[in-house]
Amino acid sequence: MTDNRSYRVVLNDEEQYSVWWTDRDLPAGWRAEGTEGSRDECLARIDEIWTDMRPLSLRQRMESQATA
């Protein structure tokens, strides 16, 4: 089955990434990252930029504990 839909890379306030269809409104709490294309292109972009899977709040808490 061929997927000819267009997707976009989205992220939330915790800097967690996902893909979303370009013809649909973004879900609450998510914003566009800027990349649009095929699902595979969007997933490749996420692989490239999402190198730390920890949520932002956890990373910040760990950084503050390390400097305390």
N, C-alpha and C. Protein backbone atom coordinates (compact mmCIF):
# COMPACT_ATOMS: atom_id res chain seq x y z
N MET A 1 0.83 -1.18 0.00
CA MET A 1 0.00 0.00 0.00
C MET A 1 0.88 1.25 0.00
N THR A 2 0.69 2.12 -0.96
CA THR A 2 1.48 3.33 -1.09
C THR A 2 0.83 4.47 -0.31
N ASP A 3 1.62 5.18 0.45
CA ASP A 3 1.15 6.33 1.22
C ASP A 3 1.58 7.60 0.50
N ASN A 4 0.65 8.25 -0.16
CA ASN A 4 0.96 9.47 -0.91
C ASN A 4 0.64 10.74 -0.13
N ARG A 5 0.29 10.59 1.15
CA ARG A 5 -0.03 11.77 1.95
C ARG A 5 1.23 12.56 2.28
N SER A 6 1.04 13.83 2.57
CA SER A 6 2.13 14.69 2.98
C SER A 6 2.10 14.84 4.51
N TYR A 7 3.27 14.80 5.10
CA TYR A 7 3.41 14.86 6.55
C TYR A 7 4.26 16.06 6.95
N ARG A 8 4.20 16.38 8.24
CA ARG A 8 5.09 17.39 8.80
C ARG A 8 5.65 16.86 10.12
N VAL A 9 6.83 17.36 10.47
CA VAL A 9 7.43 17.03 11.76
C VAL A 9 6.86 18.01 12.78
N VAL A 10 6.41 17.47 13.90
CA VAL A 10 5.86 18.30 14.97
C VAL A 10 6.58 17.97 16.28
N LEU A 11 6.54 18.93 17.21
CA LEU A 11 7.11 18.69 18.52
C LEU A 11 6.27 19.38 19.57
N ASN A 12 6.40 18.90 20.80
CA ASN A 12 5.65 19.48 21.90
C ASN A 12 6.58 20.24 22.83
N ASP A 13 6.04 20.76 23.93
CA ASP A 13 6.84 21.56 24.86
C ASP A 13 7.93 20.76 25.55
N GLU A 14 7.82 19.46 25.54
CA GLU A 14 8.85 18.60 26.13
C GLU A 14 9.90 18.21 25.10
N GLU A 15 9.82 18.81 23.91
CA GLU A 15 10.74 18.54 22.80
C GLU A 15 10.71 17.07 22.39
N GLN A 16 9.51 16.49 22.38
CA GLN A 16 9.28 15.16 21.86
C GLN A 16 8.71 15.32 20.45
N TYR A 17 9.21 14.54 19.51
CA TYR A 17 8.86 14.69 18.09
C TYR A 17 7.89 13.63 17.62
N SER A 18 7.15 13.97 16.57
CA SER A 18 6.23 13.04 15.93
C SER A 18 5.99 13.53 14.51
N VAL A 19 5.21 12.76 13.76
CA VAL A 19 4.78 13.19 12.42
C VAL A 19 3.28 13.40 12.44
N TRP A 20 2.80 14.33 11.62
CA TRP A 20 1.38 14.64 11.55
C TRP A 20 1.04 14.98 10.11
N TRP A 21 -0.18 14.68 9.69
CA TRP A 21 -0.59 14.97 8.32
C TRP A 21 -0.65 16.48 8.09
N THR A 22 -0.20 16.93 6.93
CA THR A 22 -0.21 18.38 6.65
C THR A 22 -1.61 18.92 6.40
N ASP A 23 -2.55 18.05 6.04
CA ASP A 23 -3.90 18.54 5.76
C ASP A 23 -4.80 18.54 7.00
N ARG A 24 -4.23 18.30 8.16
CA ARG A 24 -5.01 18.31 9.40
C ARG A 24 -4.44 19.34 10.36
N ASP A 25 -5.32 19.91 11.18
CA ASP A 25 -4.88 20.84 12.22
C ASP A 25 -3.99 20.10 13.20
N LEU A 26 -3.03 20.81 13.75
CA LEU A 26 -2.14 20.20 14.73
C LEU A 26 -2.91 19.93 16.02
N PRO A 27 -2.58 18.84 16.69
CA PRO A 27 -3.24 18.58 17.98
C PRO A 27 -2.77 19.60 19.02
N ALA A 28 -3.59 19.81 20.03
CA ALA A 28 -3.26 20.76 21.10
C ALA A 28 -1.92 20.40 21.72
N GLY A 29 -1.09 21.40 21.94
CA GLY A 29 0.20 21.19 22.59
C GLY A 29 1.34 20.86 21.65
N TRP A 30 1.08 20.81 20.35
CA TRP A 30 2.11 20.48 19.37
C TRP A 30 2.28 21.64 18.41
N ARG A 31 3.52 21.83 17.90
CA ARG A 31 3.81 22.86 16.91
C ARG A 31 4.66 22.27 15.80
N ALA A 32 4.59 22.91 14.65
CA ALA A 32 5.36 22.43 13.50
C ALA A 32 6.84 22.75 13.69
N GLU A 33 7.68 21.82 13.35
CA GLU A 33 9.14 22.00 13.41
C GLU A 33 9.65 22.68 12.16
N GLY A 34 8.96 22.48 11.04
CA GLY A 34 9.36 23.12 9.79
C GLY A 34 9.59 22.17 8.63
N THR A 35 9.76 20.90 8.91
CA THR A 35 10.00 19.91 7.88
C THR A 35 8.67 19.32 7.40
N GLU A 36 8.49 19.25 6.08
CA GLU A 36 7.32 18.61 5.49
C GLU A 36 7.78 17.72 4.35
N GLY A 37 7.05 16.64 4.11
CA GLY A 37 7.39 15.72 3.01
C GLY A 37 6.71 14.39 3.22
N SER A 38 7.32 13.36 2.68
CA SER A 38 6.77 12.02 2.87
C SER A 38 6.98 11.60 4.32
N ARG A 39 6.28 10.54 4.70
CA ARG A 39 6.44 10.04 6.07
C ARG A 39 7.88 9.62 6.31
N ASP A 40 8.49 8.95 5.35
CA ASP A 40 9.88 8.51 5.49
C ASP A 40 10.83 9.70 5.62
N GLU A 41 10.60 10.76 4.85
CA GLU A 41 11.45 11.96 4.95
C GLU A 41 11.32 12.59 6.33
N CYS A 42 10.10 12.66 6.83
CA CYS A 42 9.89 13.25 8.15
C CYS A 42 10.51 12.39 9.25
N LEU A 43 10.36 11.08 9.15
CA LEU A 43 10.98 10.20 10.14
C LEU A 43 12.51 10.28 10.09
N ALA A 44 13.07 10.43 8.90
CA ALA A 44 14.52 10.59 8.77
C ALA A 44 14.97 11.88 9.45
N ARG A 45 14.19 12.94 9.29
CA ARG A 45 14.51 14.22 9.95
C ARG A 45 14.47 14.07 11.46
N ILE A 46 13.47 13.36 11.97
CA ILE A 46 13.38 13.14 13.41
C ILE A 46 14.58 12.35 13.90
N ASP A 47 14.98 11.32 13.16
CA ASP A 47 16.18 10.55 13.53
C ASP A 47 17.41 11.44 13.60
N GLU A 48 17.47 12.42 12.73
CA GLU A 48 18.62 13.33 12.66
C GLU A 48 18.64 14.30 13.84
N ILE A 49 17.49 14.84 14.24
CA ILE A 49 17.49 15.92 15.23
C ILE A 49 17.13 15.48 16.65
N TRP A 50 16.45 14.35 16.82
CA TRP A 50 16.03 13.93 18.15
C TRP A 50 17.04 12.95 18.70
N THR A 51 18.14 13.48 19.20
CA THR A 51 19.25 12.64 19.65
C THR A 51 19.17 12.29 21.13
N ASP A 52 18.38 13.03 21.89
CA ASP A 52 18.21 12.76 23.32
C ASP A 52 16.72 12.55 23.57
N MET A 53 16.33 11.32 23.83
CA MET A 53 14.92 10.97 23.95
C MET A 53 14.29 11.41 25.27
N ARG A 54 15.10 11.88 26.22
CA ARG A 54 14.54 12.30 27.50
C ARG A 54 13.69 13.56 27.32
N PRO A 55 12.55 13.66 28.00
CA PRO A 55 11.76 14.89 27.93
C PRO A 55 12.57 16.09 28.44
N LEU A 56 12.26 17.26 27.92
CA LEU A 56 12.99 18.48 28.29
C LEU A 56 13.00 18.69 29.80
N SER A 57 11.87 18.50 30.47
CA SER A 57 11.82 18.74 31.91
C SER A 57 12.78 17.82 32.67
N LEU A 58 12.93 16.59 32.23
CA LEU A 58 13.87 15.67 32.87
C LEU A 58 15.30 16.11 32.62
N ARG A 59 15.62 16.51 31.40
CA ARG A 59 16.98 16.98 31.10
C ARG A 59 17.33 18.20 31.94
N GLN A 60 16.39 19.13 32.07
CA GLN A 60 16.65 20.34 32.86
C GLN A 60 16.84 20.00 34.33
N ARG A 61 16.02 19.10 34.86
CA ARG A 61 16.14 18.69 36.26
C ARG A 61 17.48 18.02 36.50
N MET A 62 17.90 17.15 35.59
CA MET A 62 19.18 16.47 35.75
C MET A 62 20.34 17.45 35.67
N GLU A 63 20.24 18.45 34.79
CA GLU A 63 21.29 19.47 34.69
C GLU A 63 21.37 20.30 35.96
N SER A 64 20.24 20.68 36.52
CA SER A 64 20.26 21.49 37.74
C SER A 64 20.81 20.70 38.92
N GLN A 65 20.52 19.39 38.97
CA GLN A 65 21.06 18.56 40.05
C GLN A 65 22.56 18.36 39.89
N ALA A 66 23.03 18.31 38.65
CA ALA A 66 24.46 18.12 38.40
C ALA A 66 25.27 19.36 38.77
N THR A 67 24.66 20.54 38.68
CA THR A 67 25.38 21.77 38.99
C THR A 67 25.17 22.22 40.42
N ALA A 68 24.29 21.53 41.17
CA ALA A 68 24.02 21.91 42.57
C ALA A 68 25.06 21.38 43.51
